[in-house]
PDB file of all heavy atoms in Angstrom:
ATOM      1  N   ILE A   1      -0.690 -18.590  64.804  1.00  0.00           N
ATOM      2  CA  ILE A   1       0.075 -17.402  65.197  1.00  0.00           C
ATOM      3  C   ILE A   1       1.522 -17.775  65.511  1.00  0.00           C
ATOM      4  O   ILE A   1       2.460 -17.112  65.076  1.00  0.00           O
ATOM      5  CB  ILE A   1      -0.582 -16.712  66.414  1.00  0.00           C
ATOM      6  CG1 ILE A   1      -1.919 -16.077  65.998  1.00  0.00           C
ATOM      7  CG2 ILE A   1       0.351 -15.658  67.019  1.00  0.00           C
ATOM      8  CD1 ILE A   1      -2.778 -15.624  67.174  1.00  0.00           C
ATOM      9  N   LYS A   2       1.717 -18.855  66.249  1.00  0.00           N
ATOM     10  CA  LYS A   2       3.054 -19.271  66.668  1.00  0.00           C
ATOM     11  C   LYS A   2       3.819 -20.012  65.583  1.00  0.00           C
ATOM     12  O   LYS A   2       5.013 -20.234  65.716  1.00  0.00           O
ATOM     13  CB  LYS A   2       2.957 -20.154  67.912  1.00  0.00           C
ATOM     14  CG  LYS A   2       2.460 -19.404  69.126  1.00  0.00           C
ATOM     15  CD  LYS A   2       2.326 -20.327  70.305  1.00  0.00           C
ATOM     16  CE  LYS A   2       1.759 -19.558  71.488  1.00  0.00           C
ATOM     17  NZ  LYS A   2       1.511 -20.420  72.627  1.00  0.00           N
ATOM     18  N   LYS A   3       3.121 -20.462  64.552  1.00  0.00           N
ATOM     19  CA  LYS A   3       3.715 -21.232  63.458  1.00  0.00           C
ATOM     20  C   LYS A   3       4.328 -22.538  63.939  1.00  0.00           C
ATOM     21  O   LYS A   3       5.254 -23.064  63.356  1.00  0.00           O
ATOM     22  CB  LYS A   3       4.771 -20.412  62.704  1.00  0.00           C
ATOM     23  CG  LYS A   3       4.305 -19.077  62.192  1.00  0.00           C
ATOM     24  CD  LYS A   3       3.359 -19.242  61.038  1.00  0.00           C
ATOM     25  CE  LYS A   3       3.026 -17.895  60.441  1.00  0.00           C
ATOM     26  NZ  LYS A   3       1.641 -17.630  60.338  1.00  0.00           N
ATOM     27  N   SER A   4       3.808 -23.047  65.024  1.00  0.00           N
ATOM     28  CA  SER A   4       4.219 -24.350  65.542  1.00  0.00           C
ATOM     29  C   SER A   4       3.015 -25.258  65.400  1.00  0.00           C
ATOM     30  O   SER A   4       1.940 -24.945  65.901  1.00  0.00           O
ATOM     31  CB  SER A   4       4.617 -24.214  67.010  1.00  0.00           C
ATOM     32  OG  SER A   4       4.844 -25.479  67.567  1.00  0.00           O
ATOM     33  N   PHE A   5       3.182 -26.396  64.734  1.00  0.00           N
ATOM     34  CA  PHE A   5       2.030 -27.170  64.324  1.00  0.00           C
ATOM     35  C   PHE A   5       1.770 -28.451  65.100  1.00  0.00           C
ATOM     36  O   PHE A   5       0.965 -29.260  64.713  1.00  0.00           O
ATOM     37  CB  PHE A   5       2.119 -27.474  62.834  1.00  0.00           C
ATOM     38  CG  PHE A   5       2.181 -26.221  62.018  1.00  0.00           C
ATOM     39  CD1 PHE A   5       3.272 -25.949  61.229  1.00  0.00           C
ATOM     40  CD2 PHE A   5       1.158 -25.300  62.073  1.00  0.00           C
ATOM     41  CE1 PHE A   5       3.323 -24.779  60.492  1.00  0.00           C
ATOM     42  CE2 PHE A   5       1.201 -24.133  61.336  1.00  0.00           C
ATOM     43  CZ  PHE A   5       2.293 -23.873  60.546  1.00  0.00           C
ATOM     44  N   SER A   6       2.445 -28.670  66.180  1.00  0.00           N
ATOM     45  CA  SER A   6       2.115 -29.842  66.994  1.00  0.00           C
ATOM     46  C   SER A   6       2.482 -29.591  68.446  1.00  0.00           C
ATOM     47  O   SER A   6       3.324 -28.774  68.754  1.00  0.00           O
ATOM     48  CB  SER A   6       2.822 -31.095  66.475  1.00  0.00           C
ATOM     49  OG  SER A   6       4.207 -30.975  66.647  1.00  0.00           O
ATOM     50  N   VAL A   7       1.790 -30.316  69.291  1.00  0.00           N
ATOM     51  CA  VAL A   7       2.052 -30.244  70.723  1.00  0.00           C
ATOM     52  C   VAL A   7       2.137 -31.669  71.223  1.00  0.00           C
ATOM     53  O   VAL A   7       1.173 -32.432  71.102  1.00  0.00           O
ATOM     54  CB  VAL A   7       0.910 -29.501  71.456  1.00  0.00           C
ATOM     55  CG1 VAL A   7       1.163 -29.474  72.957  1.00  0.00           C
ATOM     56  CG2 VAL A   7       0.724 -28.098  70.919  1.00  0.00           C
ATOM     57  N   LYS A   8       3.281 -32.043  71.771  1.00  0.00           N
ATOM     58  CA  LYS A   8       3.431 -33.375  72.365  1.00  0.00           C
ATOM     59  C   LYS A   8       2.776 -34.477  71.543  1.00  0.00           C
ATOM     60  O   LYS A   8       1.802 -35.082  71.973  1.00  0.00           O
ATOM     61  CB  LYS A   8       2.850 -33.395  73.779  1.00  0.00           C
ATOM     62  CG  LYS A   8       3.562 -32.542  74.772  1.00  0.00           C
ATOM     63  CD  LYS A   8       2.925 -32.747  76.132  1.00  0.00           C
ATOM     64  CE  LYS A   8       3.481 -31.771  77.136  1.00  0.00           C
ATOM     65  NZ  LYS A   8       2.787 -31.876  78.407  1.00  0.00           N
ATOM     66  N   GLU A   9       3.254 -34.707  70.382  1.00  0.00           N
ATOM     67  CA  GLU A   9       2.777 -35.807  69.540  1.00  0.00           C
ATOM     68  C   GLU A   9       1.401 -35.585  68.936  1.00  0.00           C
ATOM     69  O   GLU A   9       0.945 -36.374  68.144  1.00  0.00           O
ATOM     70  CB  GLU A   9       2.782 -37.148  70.303  1.00  0.00           C
ATOM     71  CG  GLU A   9       4.108 -37.526  70.895  1.00  0.00           C
ATOM     72  CD  GLU A   9       5.204 -37.677  69.847  1.00  0.00           C
ATOM     73  OE1 GLU A   9       4.962 -38.245  68.785  1.00  0.00           O
ATOM     74  OE2 GLU A   9       6.319 -37.196  70.105  1.00  0.00           O
ATOM     75  N   GLU A  10       0.689 -34.546  69.339  1.00  0.00           N
ATOM     76  CA  GLU A  10      -0.619 -34.285  68.732  1.00  0.00           C
ATOM     77  C   GLU A  10      -0.426 -33.300  67.593  1.00  0.00           C
ATOM     78  O   GLU A  10       0.087 -32.207  67.778  1.00  0.00           O
ATOM     79  CB  GLU A  10      -1.610 -33.709  69.748  1.00  0.00           C
ATOM     80  CG  GLU A  10      -2.978 -33.530  69.157  1.00  0.00           C
ATOM     81  CD  GLU A  10      -3.999 -32.999  70.138  1.00  0.00           C
ATOM     82  OE1 GLU A  10      -3.752 -33.038  71.345  1.00  0.00           O
ATOM     83  OE2 GLU A  10      -5.047 -32.534  69.665  1.00  0.00           O
ATOM     84  N   LYS A  11      -0.835 -33.704  66.426  1.00  0.00           N
ATOM     85  CA  LYS A  11      -0.703 -32.850  65.253  1.00  0.00           C
ATOM     86  C   LYS A  11      -1.948 -31.994  65.110  1.00  0.00           C
ATOM     87  O   LYS A  11      -3.008 -32.323  65.632  1.00  0.00           O
ATOM     88  CB  LYS A  11      -0.488 -33.714  64.015  1.00  0.00           C
ATOM     89  CG  LYS A  11       0.798 -34.500  64.093  1.00  0.00           C
ATOM     90  CD  LYS A  11       0.997 -35.362  62.886  1.00  0.00           C
ATOM     91  CE  LYS A  11       2.312 -36.109  63.083  1.00  0.00           C
ATOM     92  NZ  LYS A  11       2.518 -37.123  62.099  1.00  0.00           N
ATOM     93  N   ILE A  12      -1.809 -30.928  64.345  1.00  0.00           N
ATOM     94  CA  ILE A  12      -2.934 -30.014  64.180  1.00  0.00           C
ATOM     95  C   ILE A  12      -4.123 -30.693  63.504  1.00  0.00           C
ATOM     96  O   ILE A  12      -5.269 -30.372  63.796  1.00  0.00           O
ATOM     97  CB  ILE A  12      -2.516 -28.726  63.449  1.00  0.00           C
ATOM     98  CG1 ILE A  12      -3.626 -27.681  63.594  1.00  0.00           C
ATOM     99  CG2 ILE A  12      -2.166 -29.001  62.010  1.00  0.00           C
ATOM    100  CD1 ILE A  12      -3.207 -26.277  63.395  1.00  0.00           C
ATOM    101  N   ILE A  13      -3.859 -31.652  62.645  1.00  0.00           N
ATOM    102  CA  ILE A  13      -4.983 -32.364  62.012  1.00  0.00           C
ATOM    103  C   ILE A  13      -5.852 -33.043  63.066  1.00  0.00           C
ATOM    104  O   ILE A  13      -7.062 -33.129  62.922  1.00  0.00           O
ATOM    105  CB  ILE A  13      -4.508 -33.371  60.942  1.00  0.00           C
ATOM    106  CG1 ILE A  13      -5.721 -33.884  60.150  1.00  0.00           C
ATOM    107  CG2 ILE A  13      -3.719 -34.500  61.547  1.00  0.00           C
ATOM    108  CD1 ILE A  13      -5.390 -34.708  58.929  1.00  0.00           C
ATOM    109  N   ASP A  14      -5.236 -33.486  64.167  1.00  0.00           N
ATOM    110  CA  ASP A  14      -6.006 -34.106  65.254  1.00  0.00           C
ATOM    111  C   ASP A  14      -6.979 -33.101  65.864  1.00  0.00           C
ATOM    112  O   ASP A  14      -8.093 -33.463  66.250  1.00  0.00           O
ATOM    113  CB  ASP A  14      -5.071 -34.655  66.332  1.00  0.00           C
ATOM    114  CG  ASP A  14      -4.144 -35.736  65.805  1.00  0.00           C
ATOM    115  OD1 ASP A  14      -4.562 -36.493  64.904  1.00  0.00           O
ATOM    116  OD2 ASP A  14      -2.998 -35.822  66.293  1.00  0.00           O
ATOM    117  N   THR A  15      -6.564 -31.855  65.948  1.00  0.00           N
ATOM    118  CA  THR A  15      -7.430 -30.815  66.494  1.00  0.00           C
ATOM    119  C   THR A  15      -8.599 -30.555  65.540  1.00  0.00           C
ATOM    120  O   THR A  15      -9.744 -30.420  65.980  1.00  0.00           O
ATOM    121  CB  THR A  15      -6.631 -29.525  66.741  1.00  0.00           C
ATOM    122  OG1 THR A  15      -5.509 -29.839  67.576  1.00  0.00           O
ATOM    123  CG2 THR A  15      -7.472 -28.468  67.426  1.00  0.00           C
ATOM    124  N   TYR A  16      -8.319 -30.503  64.248  1.00  0.00           N
ATOM    125  CA  TYR A  16      -9.401 -30.346  63.275  1.00  0.00           C
ATOM    126  C   TYR A  16     -10.376 -31.511  63.342  1.00  0.00           C
ATOM    127  O   TYR A  16     -11.588 -31.319  63.289  1.00  0.00           O
ATOM    128  CB  TYR A  16      -8.846 -30.236  61.846  1.00  0.00           C
ATOM    129  CG  TYR A  16      -8.353 -28.862  61.500  1.00  0.00           C
ATOM    130  CD1 TYR A  16      -7.002 -28.546  61.612  1.00  0.00           C
ATOM    131  CD2 TYR A  16      -9.219 -27.884  61.054  1.00  0.00           C
ATOM    132  CE1 TYR A  16      -6.536 -27.279  61.281  1.00  0.00           C
ATOM    133  CE2 TYR A  16      -8.774 -26.618  60.730  1.00  0.00           C
ATOM    134  CZ  TYR A  16      -7.425 -26.326  60.845  1.00  0.00           C
ATOM    135  OH  TYR A  16      -6.978 -25.074  60.529  1.00  0.00           O
ATOM    136  N   ILE A  17      -9.857 -32.710  63.459  1.00  0.00           N
ATOM    137  CA  ILE A  17     -10.710 -33.898  63.557  1.00  0.00           C
ATOM    138  C   ILE A  17     -11.594 -33.799  64.791  1.00  0.00           C
ATOM    139  O   ILE A  17     -12.792 -34.097  64.738  1.00  0.00           O
ATOM    140  CB  ILE A  17      -9.859 -35.186  63.558  1.00  0.00           C
ATOM    141  CG1 ILE A  17      -9.285 -35.405  62.160  1.00  0.00           C
ATOM    142  CG2 ILE A  17     -10.666 -36.394  64.028  1.00  0.00           C
ATOM    143  CD1 ILE A  17      -8.209 -36.461  62.081  1.00  0.00           C
ATOM    144  N   ASP A  18     -11.020 -33.364  65.905  1.00  0.00           N
ATOM    145  CA  ASP A  18     -11.819 -33.179  67.127  1.00  0.00           C
ATOM    146  C   ASP A  18     -12.942 -32.178  66.908  1.00  0.00           C
ATOM    147  O   ASP A  18     -14.081 -32.400  67.322  1.00  0.00           O
ATOM    148  CB  ASP A  18     -10.936 -32.722  68.291  1.00  0.00           C
ATOM    149  CG  ASP A  18     -10.016 -33.801  68.808  1.00  0.00           C
ATOM    150  OD1 ASP A  18     -10.230 -34.996  68.507  1.00  0.00           O
ATOM    151  OD2 ASP A  18      -9.053 -33.447  69.529  1.00  0.00           O
ATOM    152  N   VAL A  19     -12.632 -31.054  66.251  1.00  0.00           N
ATOM    153  CA  VAL A  19     -13.643 -30.025  65.992  1.00  0.00           C
ATOM    154  C   VAL A  19     -14.757 -30.600  65.127  1.00  0.00           C
ATOM    155  O   VAL A  19     -15.949 -30.446  65.443  1.00  0.00           O
ATOM    156  CB  VAL A  19     -13.018 -28.777  65.316  1.00  0.00           C
ATOM    157  CG1 VAL A  19     -14.101 -27.829  64.797  1.00  0.00           C
ATOM    158  CG2 VAL A  19     -12.082 -28.051  66.273  1.00  0.00           C
ATOM    159  N   ILE A  20     -14.375 -31.260  64.050  1.00  0.00           N
ATOM    160  CA  ILE A  20     -15.381 -31.840  63.146  1.00  0.00           C
ATOM    161  C   ILE A  20     -16.239 -32.853  63.893  1.00  0.00           C
ATOM    162  O   ILE A  20     -17.470 -32.837  63.793  1.00  0.00           O
ATOM    163  CB  ILE A  20     -14.698 -32.458  61.909  1.00  0.00           C
ATOM    164  CG1 ILE A  20     -14.101 -31.341  61.042  1.00  0.00           C
ATOM    165  CG2 ILE A  20     -15.687 -33.314  61.109  1.00  0.00           C
ATOM    166  CD1 ILE A  20     -13.125 -31.828  59.970  1.00  0.00           C
ATOM    167  N   ASN A  21     -15.608 -33.718  64.676  1.00  0.00           N
ATOM    168  CA  ASN A  21     -16.381 -34.730  65.405  1.00  0.00           C
ATOM    169  C   ASN A  21     -17.280 -34.118  66.473  1.00  0.00           C
ATOM    170  O   ASN A  21     -18.422 -34.559  66.648  1.00  0.00           O
ATOM    171  CB  ASN A  21     -15.467 -35.798  65.984  1.00  0.00           C
ATOM    172  CG  ASN A  21     -15.124 -36.863  64.962  1.00  0.00           C
ATOM    173  OD1 ASN A  21     -15.821 -37.031  63.968  1.00  0.00           O
ATOM    174  ND2 ASN A  21     -14.055 -37.584  65.191  1.00  0.00           N
ATOM    175  N   TYR A  22     -16.811 -33.093  67.167  1.00  0.00           N
ATOM    176  CA  TYR A  22     -17.686 -32.427  68.143  1.00  0.00           C
ATOM    177  C   TYR A  22     -18.890 -31.797  67.437  1.00  0.00           C
ATOM    178  O   TYR A  22     -20.012 -31.843  67.949  1.00  0.00           O
ATOM    179  CB  TYR A  22     -16.937 -31.340  68.925  1.00  0.00           C
ATOM    180  CG  TYR A  22     -16.203 -31.835  70.137  1.00  0.00           C
ATOM    181  CD1 TYR A  22     -14.839 -31.630  70.277  1.00  0.00           C
ATOM    182  CD2 TYR A  22     -16.867 -32.484  71.172  1.00  0.00           C
ATOM    183  CE1 TYR A  22     -14.153 -32.070  71.407  1.00  0.00           C
ATOM    184  CE2 TYR A  22     -16.199 -32.933  72.302  1.00  0.00           C
ATOM    185  CZ  TYR A  22     -14.839 -32.718  72.417  1.00  0.00           C
ATOM    186  OH  TYR A  22     -14.169 -33.157  73.527  1.00  0.00           O
ATOM    187  N   LEU A  23     -18.664 -31.200  66.273  1.00  0.00           N
ATOM    188  CA  LEU A  23     -19.776 -30.600  65.540  1.00  0.00           C
ATOM    189  C   LEU A  23     -20.766 -31.672  65.073  1.00  0.00           C
ATOM    190  O   LEU A  23     -21.987 -31.465  65.146  1.00  0.00           O
ATOM    191  CB  LEU A  23     -19.258 -29.783  64.355  1.00  0.00           C
ATOM    192  CG  LEU A  23     -18.637 -28.437  64.741  1.00  0.00           C
ATOM    193  CD1 LEU A  23     -17.770 -27.893  63.627  1.00  0.00           C
ATOM    194  CD2 LEU A  23     -19.712 -27.439  65.138  1.00  0.00           C
ATOM    195  N   ILE A  24     -20.260 -32.805  64.632  1.00  0.00           N
ATOM    196  CA  ILE A  24     -21.151 -33.895  64.220  1.00  0.00           C
ATOM    197  C   ILE A  24     -21.912 -34.432  65.429  1.00  0.00           C
ATOM    198  O   ILE A  24     -23.113 -34.693  65.348  1.00  0.00           O
ATOM    199  CB  ILE A  24     -20.363 -35.008  63.496  1.00  0.00           C
ATOM    200  CG1 ILE A  24     -19.818 -34.476  62.163  1.00  0.00           C
ATOM    201  CG2 ILE A  24     -21.260 -36.232  63.259  1.00  0.00           C
ATOM    202  CD1 ILE A  24     -18.854 -35.402  61.457  1.00  0.00           C
ATOM    203  N   ILE A  25     -21.234 -34.563  66.547  1.00  0.00           N
ATOM    204  CA  ILE A  25     -21.911 -34.997  67.781  1.00  0.00           C
ATOM    205  C   ILE A  25     -23.012 -33.997  68.146  1.00  0.00           C
ATOM    206  O   ILE A  25     -24.122 -34.398  68.524  1.00  0.00           O
ATOM    207  CB  ILE A  25     -20.891 -35.173  68.926  1.00  0.00           C
ATOM    208  CG1 ILE A  25     -20.079 -36.463  68.707  1.00  0.00           C
ATOM    209  CG2 ILE A  25     -21.574 -35.166  70.290  1.00  0.00           C
ATOM    210  CD1 ILE A  25     -18.865 -36.599  69.600  1.00  0.00           C
ATOM    211  N   ALA A  26     -22.727 -32.715  68.018  1.00  0.00           N
ATOM    212  CA  ALA A  26     -23.741 -31.695  68.319  1.00  0.00           C
ATOM    213  C   ALA A  26     -24.945 -31.851  67.386  1.00  0.00           C
ATOM    214  O   ALA A  26     -26.098 -31.747  67.832  1.00  0.00           O
ATOM    215  CB  ALA A  26     -23.124 -30.301  68.176  1.00  0.00           C
ATOM    216  N   LEU A  27     -24.688 -32.133  66.123  1.00  0.00           N
ATOM    217  CA  LEU A  27     -25.784 -32.352  65.172  1.00  0.00           C
ATOM    218  C   LEU A  27     -26.596 -33.592  65.526  1.00  0.00           C
ATOM    219  O   LEU A  27     -27.824 -33.590  65.420  1.00  0.00           O
ATOM    220  CB  LEU A  27     -25.225 -32.474  63.745  1.00  0.00           C
ATOM    221  CG  LEU A  27     -24.662 -31.187  63.148  1.00  0.00           C
ATOM    222  CD1 LEU A  27     -23.861 -31.500  61.885  1.00  0.00           C
ATOM    223  CD2 LEU A  27     -25.763 -30.183  62.863  1.00  0.00           C
ATOM    224  N   ILE A  28     -25.908 -34.641  65.949  1.00  0.00           N
ATOM    225  CA  ILE A  28     -26.604 -35.863  66.380  1.00  0.00           C
ATOM    226  C   ILE A  28     -27.484 -35.566  67.585  1.00  0.00           C
ATOM    227  O   ILE A  28     -28.638 -35.980  67.650  1.00  0.00           O
ATOM    228  CB  ILE A  28     -25.598 -36.994  66.691  1.00  0.00           C
ATOM    229  CG1 ILE A  28     -24.921 -37.482  65.407  1.00  0.00           C
ATOM    230  CG2 ILE A  28     -26.294 -38.161  67.409  1.00  0.00           C
ATOM    231  CD1 ILE A  28     -23.742 -38.410  65.641  1.00  0.00           C
ATOM    232  N   LYS A  29     -26.940 -34.832  68.547  1.00  0.00           N
ATOM    233  CA  LYS A  29     -27.696 -34.518  69.761  1.00  0.00           C
ATOM    234  C   LYS A  29     -28.939 -33.693  69.439  1.00  0.00           C
ATOM    235  O   LYS A  29     -29.982 -33.884  70.058  1.00  0.00           O
ATOM    236  CB  LYS A  29     -26.804 -33.815  70.776  1.00  0.00           C
ATOM    237  CG  LYS A  29     -25.809 -34.766  71.426  1.00  0.00           C
ATOM    238  CD  LYS A  29     -25.009 -34.111  72.506  1.00  0.00           C
ATOM    239  CE  LYS A  29     -25.776 -33.652  73.688  1.00  0.00           C
ATOM    240  NZ  LYS A  29     -26.527 -34.629  74.454  1.00  0.00           N
ATOM    241  N   ILE A  30     -28.836 -32.807  68.464  1.00  0.00           N
ATOM    242  CA  ILE A  30     -30.013 -32.030  68.061  1.00  0.00           C
ATOM    243  C   ILE A  30     -31.068 -32.963  67.495  1.00  0.00           C
ATOM    244  O   ILE A  30     -32.259 -32.835  67.804  1.00  0.00           O
ATOM    245  CB  ILE A  30     -29.629 -30.932  67.042  1.00  0.00           C
ATOM    246  CG1 ILE A  30     -28.832 -29.842  67.744  1.00  0.00           C
ATOM    247  CG2 ILE A  30     -30.877 -30.350  66.370  1.00  0.00           C
ATOM    248  CD1 ILE A  30     -28.207 -28.835  66.812  1.00  0.00           C
ATOM    249  N   GLU A  31     -30.639 -33.892  66.667  1.00  0.00           N
ATOM    250  CA  GLU A  31     -31.604 -34.834  66.092  1.00  0.00           C
ATOM    251  C   GLU A  31     -32.259 -35.689  67.174  1.00  0.00           C
ATOM    252  O   GLU A  31     -33.440 -36.006  67.096  1.00  0.00           O
ATOM    253  CB  GLU A  31     -30.914 -35.738  65.058  1.00  0.00           C
ATOM    254  CG  GLU A  31     -31.897 -36.613  64.331  1.00  0.00           C
ATOM    255  CD  GLU A  31     -31.350 -37.234  63.073  1.00  0.00           C
ATOM    256  OE1 GLU A  31     -30.508 -36.607  62.400  1.00  0.00           O
ATOM    257  OE2 GLU A  31     -31.788 -38.346  62.750  1.00  0.00           O
ATOM    258  N   LEU A  32     -31.485 -36.035  68.197  1.00  0.00           N
ATOM    259  CA  LEU A  32     -32.027 -36.843  69.289  1.00  0.00           C
ATOM    260  C   LEU A  32     -32.908 -36.034  70.230  1.00  0.00           C
ATOM    261  O   LEU A  32     -33.644 -36.604  71.025  1.00  0.00           O
ATOM    262  CB  LEU A  32     -30.890 -37.474  70.095  1.00  0.00           C
ATOM    263  CG  LEU A  32     -30.054 -38.528  69.390  1.00  0.00           C
ATOM    264  CD1 LEU A  32     -28.853 -38.913  70.244  1.00  0.00           C
ATOM    265  CD2 LEU A  32     -30.892 -39.745  69.063  1.00  0.00           C
ATOM    266  N   LYS A  33     -32.792 -34.709  70.161  1.00  0.00           N
ATOM    267  CA  LYS A  33     -33.454 -33.785  71.075  1.00  0.00           C
ATOM    268  C   LYS A  33     -33.080 -34.147  72.514  1.00  0.00           C
ATOM    269  O   LYS A  33     -31.925 -34.127  72.859  1.00  0.00           O
ATOM    270  CB  LYS A  33     -34.954 -33.766  70.834  1.00  0.00           C
ATOM    271  CG  LYS A  33     -35.303 -33.373  69.413  1.00  0.00           C
ATOM    272  CD  LYS A  33     -36.155 -32.188  69.349  1.00  0.00           C
ATOM    273  CE  LYS A  33     -36.572 -31.705  68.022  1.00  0.00           C
ATOM    274  NZ  LYS A  33     -35.965 -32.028  66.808  1.00  0.00           N
ATOM    275  N   CYS A  34     -34.011 -34.524  73.341  1.00  0.00           N
ATOM    276  CA  CYS A  34     -33.709 -34.809  74.753  1.00  0.00           C
ATOM    277  C   CYS A  34     -33.496 -36.297  75.017  1.00  0.00           C
ATOM    278  O   CYS A  34     -33.263 -36.687  76.154  1.00  0.00           O
ATOM    279  CB  CYS A  34     -34.828 -34.285  75.641  1.00  0.00           C
ATOM    280  SG  CYS A  34     -35.011 -32.501  75.548  1.00  0.00           S
ATOM    281  N   GLU A  35     -33.596 -37.097  73.989  1.00  0.00           N
ATOM    282  CA  GLU A  35     -33.449 -38.541  74.165  1.00  0.00           C
ATOM    283  C   GLU A  35     -32.036 -38.886  74.651  1.00  0.00           C
ATOM    284  O   GLU A  35     -31.046 -38.455  74.087  1.00  0.00           O
ATOM    285  CB  GLU A  35     -33.710 -39.239  72.824  1.00  0.00           C
ATOM    286  CG  GLU A  35     -33.865 -40.726  72.929  1.00  0.00           C
ATOM    287  CD  GLU A  35     -34.210 -41.326  71.565  1.00  0.00           C
ATOM    288  OE1 GLU A  35     -35.011 -40.723  70.843  1.00  0.00           O
ATOM    289  OE2 GLU A  35     -33.657 -42.377  71.267  1.00  0.00           O
TER     290      GLU A  35
END
């Protein structure tokens, strides 16, 4: 919306990477169940 693509040295790709990694972590946790 703001058309500004970075905040204090963090680029937007870093945010996408975080999202992807959190989703992969969530998938791992599902596979582990309660372990």
